Amino acid sequence: MRLPILLFATACAAFAAAPAQAVGTRYPFCITGEDQPGLSNCTFTSYEQCAATASGRFLSCIPNPYYVPEGDAPPPAAYGRSVPPPPPPPGYRRY
């Protein structure tokens, strides 16, 4: 009886969790400290905005290592192109 309950609880937790990609990739600055551990609050568009929120508390601002500016994405045509195979080694005979 315990196994089905455990499986059900695991499945519910998996479906309720947000995908990792959606958390913290849209904003360039994160606030971190005792109240906000790790990269749990990456919602700041400027360093000044982050510093104002951290002011007077034991918090600091760090650049978001997962932030990708919108202009740095490769063009859409690059996704559909395939890479040609390497040439055969010398002495290789095709049949």
C-alpha atoms as a PDB file:
ATOM      1  CA  MET A   1       0.000   0.000   0.000  1.00  0.00           C
ATOM      2  CA  ARG A   2       2.895   2.360   0.666  1.00  0.00           C
ATOM      3  CA  LEU A   3       4.374   1.998  -2.815  1.00  0.00           C
ATOM      4  CA  PRO A   4       1.281   3.260  -4.723  1.00  0.00           C
ATOM      5  CA  ILE A   5       0.973   6.223  -2.355  1.00  0.00           C
ATOM      6  CA  LEU A   6       4.657   7.039  -2.800  1.00  0.00           C
ATOM      7  CA  LEU A   7       4.372   6.785  -6.584  1.00  0.00           C
ATOM      8  CA  PHE A   8       1.292   9.014  -6.604  1.00  0.00           C
ATOM      9  CA  ALA A   9       2.995  11.631  -4.427  1.00  0.00           C
ATOM     10  CA  THR A  10       6.103  11.581  -6.641  1.00  0.00           C
ATOM     11  CA  ALA A  11       4.019  11.998  -9.803  1.00  0.00           C
ATOM     12  CA  CYS A  12       2.091  14.918  -8.300  1.00  0.00           C
ATOM     13  CA  ALA A  13       5.312  16.631  -7.263  1.00  0.00           C
ATOM     14  CA  ALA A  14       6.817  16.150 -10.726  1.00  0.00           C
ATOM     15  CA  PHE A  15       3.828  17.692 -12.491  1.00  0.00           C
ATOM     16  CA  ALA A  16       3.550  20.596 -10.060  1.00  0.00           C
ATOM     17  CA  ALA A  17       7.215  21.603 -10.327  1.00  0.00           C
ATOM     18  CA  ALA A  18       8.092  24.463 -12.660  1.00  0.00           C
ATOM     19  CA  PRO A  19      10.592  23.680 -15.393  1.00  0.00           C
ATOM     20  CA  ALA A  20      14.117  24.785 -14.540  1.00  0.00           C
ATOM     21  CA  GLN A  21      14.429  26.794 -17.723  1.00  0.00           C
ATOM     22  CA  ALA A  22      11.531  29.084 -16.812  1.00  0.00           C
ATOM     23  CA  VAL A  23      12.994  30.106 -13.465  1.00  0.00           C
ATOM     24  CA  GLY A  24      15.478  32.978 -13.457  1.00  0.00           C
ATOM     25  CA  THR A  25      16.470  33.212 -17.112  1.00  0.00           C
ATOM     26  CA  ARG A  26      14.647  36.433 -18.031  1.00  0.00           C
ATOM     27  CA  TYR A  27      16.343  38.924 -15.715  1.00  0.00           C
ATOM     28  CA  PRO A  28      20.043  39.861 -15.526  1.00  0.00           C
ATOM     29  CA  PHE A  29      20.389  40.326 -11.728  1.00  0.00           C
ATOM     30  CA  CYS A  30      19.657  38.145  -8.696  1.00  0.00           C
ATOM     31  CA  ILE A  31      19.448  38.976  -5.019  1.00  0.00           C
ATOM     32  CA  THR A  32      21.123  36.529  -2.651  1.00  0.00           C
ATOM     33  CA  GLY A  33      21.719  36.182   1.084  1.00  0.00           C
ATOM     34  CA  GLU A  34      20.273  34.499   4.151  1.00  0.00           C
ATOM     35  CA  ASP A  35      16.658  35.341   3.278  1.00  0.00           C
ATOM     36  CA  GLN A  36      17.104  34.521  -0.423  1.00  0.00           C
ATOM     37  CA  PRO A  37      19.488  31.535  -0.797  1.00  0.00           C
ATOM     38  CA  GLY A  38      21.159  30.758  -4.094  1.00  0.00           C
ATOM     39  CA  LEU A  39      19.535  32.043  -7.267  1.00  0.00           C
ATOM     40  CA  SER A  40      16.005  31.951  -5.884  1.00  0.00           C
ATOM     41  CA  ASN A  41      15.125  35.587  -6.657  1.00  0.00           C
ATOM     42  CA  CYS A  42      16.308  36.628 -10.125  1.00  0.00           C
ATOM     43  CA  THR A  43      13.677  39.265 -10.909  1.00  0.00           C
ATOM     44  CA  PHE A  44      15.669  42.475 -11.348  1.00  0.00           C
ATOM     45  CA  THR A  45      16.196  44.327 -14.612  1.00  0.00           C
ATOM     46  CA  SER A  46      19.003  46.561 -13.326  1.00  0.00           C
ATOM     47  CA  TYR A  47      21.684  46.458 -10.671  1.00  0.00           C
ATOM     48  CA  GLU A  48      20.313  49.633  -9.107  1.00  0.00           C
ATOM     49  CA  GLN A  49      16.867  48.079  -8.708  1.00  0.00           C
ATOM     50  CA  CYS A  50      18.404  45.007  -7.048  1.00  0.00           C
ATOM     51  CA  ALA A  51      20.633  47.112  -4.769  1.00  0.00           C
ATOM     52  CA  ALA A  52      17.667  49.221  -3.641  1.00  0.00           C
ATOM     53  CA  THR A  53      15.762  46.074  -2.676  1.00  0.00           C
ATOM     54  CA  ALA A  54      18.785  44.654  -0.831  1.00  0.00           C
ATOM     55  CA  SER A  55      19.479  47.902   1.011  1.00  0.00           C
ATOM     56  CA  GLY A  56      19.346  47.642   4.794  1.00  0.00           C
ATOM     57  CA  ARG A  57      19.208  43.833   4.800  1.00  0.00           C
ATOM     58  CA  PHE A  58      21.926  41.190   4.749  1.00  0.00           C
ATOM     59  CA  LEU A  59      21.481  40.657   1.007  1.00  0.00           C
ATOM     60  CA  SER A  60      23.652  41.284  -2.031  1.00  0.00           C
ATOM     61  CA  CYS A  61      23.173  41.443  -5.788  1.00  0.00           C
ATOM     62  CA  ILE A  62      24.916  39.153  -8.258  1.00  0.00           C
ATOM     63  CA  PRO A  63      24.737  38.814 -12.052  1.00  0.00           C
ATOM     64  CA  ASN A  64      22.454  36.014 -13.201  1.00  0.00           C
ATOM     65  CA  PRO A  65      24.698  33.323 -14.746  1.00  0.00           C
ATOM     66  CA  TYR A  66      21.751  31.888 -16.727  1.00  0.00           C
ATOM     67  CA  TYR A  67      20.566  35.165 -18.258  1.00  0.00           C
ATOM     68  CA  VAL A  68      20.677  35.303 -22.056  1.00  0.00           C
ATOM     69  CA  PRO A  69      19.854  38.662 -23.664  1.00  0.00           C
ATOM     70  CA  GLU A  70      17.233  38.486 -26.395  1.00  0.00           C
ATOM     71  CA  GLY A  71      19.601  39.716 -29.115  1.00  0.00           C
ATOM     72  CA  ASP A  72      22.161  36.927 -28.544  1.00  0.00           C
ATOM     73  CA  ALA A  73      19.999  34.095 -29.902  1.00  0.00           C
ATOM     74  CA  PRO A  74      21.168  32.550 -33.197  1.00  0.00           C
ATOM     75  CA  PRO A  75      18.987  33.145 -36.249  1.00  0.00           C
ATOM     76  CA  PRO A  76      16.104  30.670 -36.705  1.00  0.00           C
ATOM     77  CA  ALA A  77      17.597  29.265 -39.936  1.00  0.00           C
ATOM     78  CA  ALA A  78      20.581  27.916 -37.970  1.00  0.00           C
ATOM     79  CA  TYR A  79      18.354  25.463 -36.114  1.00  0.00           C
ATOM     80  CA  GLY A  80      17.228  23.616 -39.247  1.00  0.00           C
ATOM     81  CA  ARG A  81      20.615  23.239 -40.908  1.00  0.00           C
ATOM     82  CA  SER A  82      22.387  19.933 -40.662  1.00  0.00           C
ATOM     83  CA  VAL A  83      26.147  19.592 -40.402  1.00  0.00           C
ATOM     84  CA  PRO A  84      27.732  17.699 -43.309  1.00  0.00           C
ATOM     85  CA  PRO A  85      29.503  14.465 -42.379  1.00  0.00           C
ATOM     86  CA  PRO A  86      33.309  14.498 -42.220  1.00  0.00           C
ATOM     87  CA  PRO A  87      35.219  13.176 -45.241  1.00  0.00           C
ATOM     88  CA  PRO A  88      36.290   9.523 -45.151  1.00  0.00           C
ATOM     89  CA  PRO A  89      39.810   8.779 -43.905  1.00  0.00           C
ATOM     90  CA  PRO A  90      42.613   8.305 -46.472  1.00  0.00           C
ATOM     91  CA  GLY A  91      42.675   4.851 -48.007  1.00  0.00           C
ATOM     92  CA  TYR A  92      38.986   4.189 -47.283  1.00  0.00           C
ATOM     93  CA  ARG A  93      37.221   2.576 -50.212  1.00  0.00           C
ATOM     94  CA  ARG A  94      33.480   2.857 -50.621  1.00  0.00           C
ATOM     95  CA  TYR A  95      31.615  -0.147 -51.944  1.00  0.00           C
END
